[in-house]
């Protein structure tokens, strides 16, 4: 699933979801993004985990 993004409510849930992609994704990147959806204001993403083959510009 190229460029597939999922929104999860916790770091642990994101890590579990990334591990579940192991069988069909060449690589997975997990970021934390915080902000205010109402104001459309977002902080810079923070890399939590990376696994497999991921292009350098993504992770």
PDB file of N, CA and C in Angstrom:
ATOM      1  N   UNK A   1       0.829  -1.173   0.000  1.00  0.00           N
ATOM      2  CA  UNK A   1       0.000   0.000   0.000  1.00  0.00           C
ATOM      3  C   UNK A   1       0.873   1.237   0.000  1.00  0.00           C
ATOM      4  N   UNK A   2       1.205   1.720  -1.123  1.00  0.00           N
ATOM      5  CA  UNK A   2       2.064   2.894  -1.216  1.00  0.00           C
ATOM      6  C   UNK A   2       1.333   4.126  -0.675  1.00  0.00           C
ATOM      7  N   UNK A   3       2.037   4.890   0.143  1.00  0.00           N
ATOM      8  CA  UNK A   3       1.527   6.143   0.682  1.00  0.00           C
ATOM      9  C   UNK A   3       0.257   5.977   1.503  1.00  0.00           C
ATOM     10  N   UNK A   4       0.085   4.845   2.122  1.00  0.00           N
ATOM     11  CA  UNK A   4      -1.090   4.618   2.959  1.00  0.00           C
ATOM     12  C   UNK A   4      -0.833   5.223   4.334  1.00  0.00           C
ATOM     13  N   UNK A   5      -1.772   6.032   4.815  1.00  0.00           N
ATOM     14  CA  UNK A   5      -1.613   6.660   6.121  1.00  0.00           C
ATOM     15  C   UNK A   5      -2.796   6.273   6.998  1.00  0.00           C
ATOM     16  N   UNK A   6      -2.495   5.974   8.247  1.00  0.00           N
ATOM     17  CA  UNK A   6      -3.537   5.674   9.218  1.00  0.00           C
ATOM     18  C   UNK A   6      -3.384   6.590  10.411  1.00  0.00           C
ATOM     19  N   UNK A   7      -4.481   7.020  10.948  1.00  0.00           N
ATOM     20  CA  UNK A   7      -4.469   7.843  12.152  1.00  0.00           C
ATOM     21  C   UNK A   7      -4.840   6.957  13.331  1.00  0.00           C
ATOM     22  N   UNK A   8      -3.960   6.892  14.310  1.00  0.00           N
ATOM     23  CA  UNK A   8      -4.190   6.056  15.490  1.00  0.00           C
ATOM     24  C   UNK A   8      -4.057   6.919  16.740  1.00  0.00           C
ATOM     25  N   UNK A   9      -4.660   6.473  17.809  1.00  0.00           N
ATOM     26  CA  UNK A   9      -4.759   7.320  18.992  1.00  0.00           C
ATOM     27  C   UNK A   9      -3.629   7.186  19.995  1.00  0.00           C
ATOM     28  N   UNK A  10      -2.728   6.233  19.783  1.00  0.00           N
ATOM     29  CA  UNK A  10      -1.614   6.101  20.724  1.00  0.00           C
ATOM     30  C   UNK A  10      -0.368   5.592  20.008  1.00  0.00           C
ATOM     31  N   UNK A  11       0.765   5.813  20.651  1.00  0.00           N
ATOM     32  CA  UNK A  11       2.041   5.322  20.120  1.00  0.00           C
ATOM     33  C   UNK A  11       2.026   3.802  20.015  1.00  0.00           C
ATOM     34  N   UNK A  12       1.523   3.140  21.054  1.00  0.00           N
ATOM     35  CA  UNK A  12       1.488   1.674  21.054  1.00  0.00           C
ATOM     36  C   UNK A  12       0.605   1.129  19.934  1.00  0.00           C
ATOM     37  N   UNK A  13      -0.533   1.765  19.707  1.00  0.00           N
ATOM     38  CA  UNK A  13      -1.416   1.328  18.620  1.00  0.00           C
ATOM     39  C   UNK A  13      -0.733   1.516  17.268  1.00  0.00           C
ATOM     40  N   UNK A  14       0.013   2.601  17.119  1.00  0.00           N
ATOM     41  CA  UNK A  14       0.730   2.851  15.865  1.00  0.00           C
ATOM     42  C   UNK A  14       1.820   1.805  15.632  1.00  0.00           C
ATOM     43  N   UNK A  15       2.537   1.443  16.678  1.00  0.00           N
ATOM     44  CA  UNK A  15       3.581   0.425  16.557  1.00  0.00           C
ATOM     45  C   UNK A  15       2.954  -0.927  16.200  1.00  0.00           C
ATOM     46  N   UNK A  16       1.851  -1.282  16.842  1.00  0.00           N
ATOM     47  CA  UNK A  16       1.161  -2.546  16.516  1.00  0.00           C
ATOM     48  C   UNK A  16       0.689  -2.552  15.062  1.00  0.00           C
ATOM     49  N   UNK A  17       0.129  -1.443  14.600  1.00  0.00           N
ATOM     50  CA  UNK A  17      -0.339  -1.356  13.216  1.00  0.00           C
ATOM     51  C   UNK A  17       0.830  -1.489  12.249  1.00  0.00           C
ATOM     52  N   UNK A  18       1.956  -0.872  12.570  1.00  0.00           N
ATOM     53  CA  UNK A  18       3.138  -0.972  11.709  1.00  0.00           C
ATOM     54  C   UNK A  18       3.630  -2.414  11.638  1.00  0.00           C
ATOM     55  N   UNK A  19       3.636  -3.100  12.760  1.00  0.00           N
ATOM     56  CA  UNK A  19       4.066  -4.508  12.777  1.00  0.00           C
ATOM     57  C   UNK A  19       3.124  -5.389  11.964  1.00  0.00           C
ATOM     58  N   UNK A  20       1.847  -5.044  11.955  1.00  0.00           N
ATOM     59  CA  UNK A  20       0.881  -5.849  11.201  1.00  0.00           C
ATOM     60  C   UNK A  20       1.070  -5.702   9.690  1.00  0.00           C
ATOM     61  N   UNK A  21       1.765  -4.660   9.241  1.00  0.00           N
ATOM     62  CA  UNK A  21       2.019  -4.438   7.808  1.00  0.00           C
ATOM     63  C   UNK A  21       3.198  -5.259   7.301  1.00  0.00           C
ATOM     64  N   UNK A  22       3.887  -5.920   8.181  1.00  0.00           N
ATOM     65  CA  UNK A  22       5.127  -6.621   7.853  1.00  0.00           C
ATOM     66  C   UNK A  22       4.994  -7.583   6.676  1.00  0.00           C
ATOM     67  N   UNK A  23       3.871  -8.270   6.555  1.00  0.00           N
ATOM     68  CA  UNK A  23       3.707  -9.267   5.510  1.00  0.00           C
ATOM     69  C   UNK A  23       3.464  -8.715   4.117  1.00  0.00           C
ATOM     70  N   UNK A  24       3.004  -7.473   4.003  1.00  0.00           N
ATOM     71  CA  UNK A  24       2.661  -6.958   2.675  1.00  0.00           C
ATOM     72  C   UNK A  24       3.237  -5.592   2.339  1.00  0.00           C
ATOM     73  N   UNK A  25       3.993  -4.985   3.226  1.00  0.00           N
ATOM     74  CA  UNK A  25       4.614  -3.689   2.940  1.00  0.00           C
ATOM     75  C   UNK A  25       6.132  -3.836   2.970  1.00  0.00           C
ATOM     76  N   UNK A  26       6.800  -3.207   2.020  1.00  0.00           N
ATOM     77  CA  UNK A  26       8.268  -3.271   1.981  1.00  0.00           C
ATOM     78  C   UNK A  26       8.886  -2.487   3.129  1.00  0.00           C
ATOM     79  N   UNK A  27       8.188  -1.448   3.572  1.00  0.00           N
ATOM     80  CA  UNK A  27       8.690  -0.635   4.665  1.00  0.00           C
ATOM     81  C   UNK A  27       7.568   0.146   5.315  1.00  0.00           C
ATOM     82  N   UNK A  28       7.800   0.539   6.555  1.00  0.00           N
ATOM     83  CA  UNK A  28       6.791   1.262   7.327  1.00  0.00           C
ATOM     84  C   UNK A  28       7.485   2.364   8.115  1.00  0.00           C
ATOM     85  N   UNK A  29       6.834   3.524   8.200  1.00  0.00           N
ATOM     86  CA  UNK A  29       7.333   4.636   9.001  1.00  0.00           C
ATOM     87  C   UNK A  29       6.208   5.063   9.944  1.00  0.00           C
ATOM     88  N   UNK A  30       6.550   5.299  11.216  1.00  0.00           N
ATOM     89  CA  UNK A  30       5.566   5.744  12.201  1.00  0.00           C
ATOM     90  C   UNK A  30       5.994   7.116  12.708  1.00  0.00           C
ATOM     91  N   UNK A  31       5.092   8.090  12.589  1.00  0.00           N
ATOM     92  CA  UNK A  31       5.330   9.451  13.059  1.00  0.00           C
ATOM     93  C   UNK A  31       4.299   9.827  14.102  1.00  0.00           C
ATOM     94  N   UNK A  32       4.664  10.775  14.968  1.00  0.00           N
ATOM     95  CA  UNK A  32       3.715  11.410  15.877  1.00  0.00           C
ATOM     96  C   UNK A  32       3.530  12.839  15.370  1.00  0.00           C
ATOM     97  N   UNK A  33       2.284  13.232  15.217  1.00  0.00           N
ATOM     98  CA  UNK A  33       1.976  14.598  14.787  1.00  0.00           C
ATOM     99  C   UNK A  33       0.964  15.172  15.766  1.00  0.00           C
ATOM    100  N   UNK A  34       1.273  16.332  16.323  1.00  0.00           N
ATOM    101  CA  UNK A  34       0.342  16.991  17.236  1.00  0.00           C
ATOM    102  C   UNK A  34      -0.046  18.337  16.658  1.00  0.00           C
ATOM    103  N   UNK A  35      -1.223  18.781  17.038  1.00  0.00           N
ATOM    104  CA  UNK A  35      -1.670  20.066  16.537  1.00  0.00           C
ATOM    105  C   UNK A  35      -3.124  20.303  16.841  1.00  0.00           C
ATOM    106  N   UNK A  36      -3.683  21.273  16.141  1.00  0.00           N
ATOM    107  CA  UNK A  36      -5.069  21.664  16.332  1.00  0.00           C
ATOM    108  C   UNK A  36      -5.817  21.540  15.010  1.00  0.00           C
ATOM    109  N   UNK A  37      -6.634  20.499  14.859  1.00  0.00           N
ATOM    110  CA  UNK A  37      -7.373  20.337  13.612  1.00  0.00           C
ATOM    111  C   UNK A  37      -8.327  21.505  13.338  1.00  0.00           C
ATOM    112  N   UNK A  38      -8.917  22.062  14.401  1.00  0.00           N
ATOM    113  CA  UNK A  38      -9.853  23.178  14.226  1.00  0.00           C
ATOM    114  C   UNK A  38      -9.174  24.388  13.587  1.00  0.00           C
ATOM    115  N   UNK A  39      -7.920  24.638  13.955  1.00  0.00           N
ATOM    116  CA  UNK A  39      -7.173  25.776  13.424  1.00  0.00           C
ATOM    117  C   UNK A  39      -6.297  25.385  12.238  1.00  0.00           C
ATOM    118  N   UNK A  40      -6.304  24.094  11.884  1.00  0.00           N
ATOM    119  CA  UNK A  40      -5.427  23.565  10.845  1.00  0.00           C
ATOM    120  C   UNK A  40      -3.969  23.964  11.101  1.00  0.00           C
ATOM    121  N   UNK A  41      -3.559  23.814  12.366  1.00  0.00           N
ATOM    122  CA  UNK A  41      -2.188  24.106  12.783  1.00  0.00           C
ATOM    123  C   UNK A  41      -1.560  22.816  13.274  1.00  0.00           C
ATOM    124  N   UNK A  42      -0.396  22.470  12.718  1.00  0.00           N
ATOM    125  CA  UNK A  42       0.258  21.210  13.054  1.00  0.00           C
ATOM    126  C   UNK A  42       1.735  21.446  13.353  1.00  0.00           C
ATOM    127  N   UNK A  43       2.233  20.763  14.366  1.00  0.00           N
ATOM    128  CA  UNK A  43       3.659  20.798  14.688  1.00  0.00           C
ATOM    129  C   UNK A  43       4.388  19.890  13.702  1.00  0.00           C
ATOM    130  N   UNK A  44       5.704  20.001  13.647  1.00  0.00           N
ATOM    131  CA  UNK A  44       6.493  19.118  12.781  1.00  0.00           C
ATOM    132  C   UNK A  44       6.354  17.672  13.249  1.00  0.00           C
ATOM    133  N   UNK A  45       6.267  16.735  12.313  1.00  0.00           N
ATOM    134  CA  UNK A  45       6.182  15.316  12.690  1.00  0.00           C
ATOM    135  C   UNK A  45       7.449  14.856  13.410  1.00  0.00           C
ATOM    136  N   UNK A  46       7.263  13.923  14.346  1.00  0.00           N
ATOM    137  CA  UNK A  46       8.377  13.333  15.095  1.00  0.00           C
ATOM    138  C   UNK A  46       8.430  11.850  14.747  1.00  0.00           C
ATOM    139  N   UNK A  47       9.580  11.382  14.267  1.00  0.00           N
ATOM    140  CA  UNK A  47       9.747   9.987  13.898  1.00  0.00           C
ATOM    141  C   UNK A  47       9.743   9.110  15.147  1.00  0.00           C
ATOM    142  N   UNK A  48       8.868   8.101  15.154  1.00  0.00           N
ATOM    143  CA  UNK A  48       8.807   7.151  16.268  1.00  0.00           C
ATOM    144  C   UNK A  48       9.526   5.864  15.902  1.00  0.00           C
ATOM    145  N   UNK A  49       9.244   5.346  14.700  1.00  0.00           N
ATOM    146  CA  UNK A  49       9.843   4.067  14.299  1.00  0.00           C
ATOM    147  C   UNK A  49       9.896   3.975  12.782  1.00  0.00           C
ATOM    148  N   UNK A  50      10.796   3.131  12.318  1.00  0.00           N
ATOM    149  CA  UNK A  50      10.952   2.876  10.884  1.00  0.00           C
ATOM    150  C   UNK A  50      11.409   1.433  10.740  1.00  0.00           C
ATOM    151  N   UNK A  51      10.875   0.753   9.720  1.00  0.00           N
ATOM    152  CA  UNK A  51      11.232  -0.632   9.509  1.00  0.00           C
ATOM    153  C   UNK A  51      11.185  -0.963   8.022  1.00  0.00           C
ATOM    154  N   UNK A  52      12.090  -1.792   7.583  1.00  0.00           N
ATOM    155  CA  UNK A  52      12.089  -2.224   6.192  1.00  0.00           C
ATOM    156  C   UNK A  52      12.721  -1.218   5.249  1.00  0.00           C
ATOM    157  N   UNK A  53      12.340  -1.302   3.981  1.00  0.00           N
ATOM    158  CA  UNK A  53      12.872  -0.426   2.948  1.00  0.00           C
ATOM    159  C   UNK A  53      11.992   0.808   2.832  1.00  0.00           C
ATOM    160  N   UNK A  54      12.559   1.949   3.210  1.00  0.00           N
ATOM    161  CA  UNK A  54      11.827   3.213   3.191  1.00  0.00           C
ATOM    162  C   UNK A  54      12.707   4.251   2.496  1.00  0.00           C
ATOM    163  N   UNK A  55      12.161   4.998   1.524  1.00  0.00           N
ATOM    164  CA  UNK A  55      12.978   6.032   0.860  1.00  0.00           C
ATOM    165  C   UNK A  55      13.531   7.035   1.886  1.00  0.00           C
ATOM    166  N   UNK A  56      14.750   7.443   1.682  1.00  0.00           N
ATOM    167  CA  UNK A  56      15.421   8.341   2.621  1.00  0.00           C
ATOM    168  C   UNK A  56      14.644   9.642   2.856  1.00  0.00           C
ATOM    169  N   UNK A  57      14.003  10.192   1.830  1.00  0.00           N
ATOM    170  CA  UNK A  57      13.287  11.457   1.977  1.00  0.00           C
ATOM    171  C   UNK A  57      12.024  11.338   2.846  1.00  0.00           C
ATOM    172  N   UNK A  58      11.561  10.111   3.064  1.00  0.00           N
ATOM    173  CA  UNK A  58      10.381   9.903   3.892  1.00  0.00           C
ATOM    174  C   UNK A  58      10.768   9.735   5.354  1.00  0.00           C
ATOM    175  N   UNK A  59      11.867   9.071   5.603  1.00  0.00           N
ATOM    176  CA  UNK A  59      12.257   8.819   6.995  1.00  0.00           C
ATOM    177  C   UNK A  59      13.640   9.331   7.202  1.00  0.00           C
TER     178      UNK A  59
END
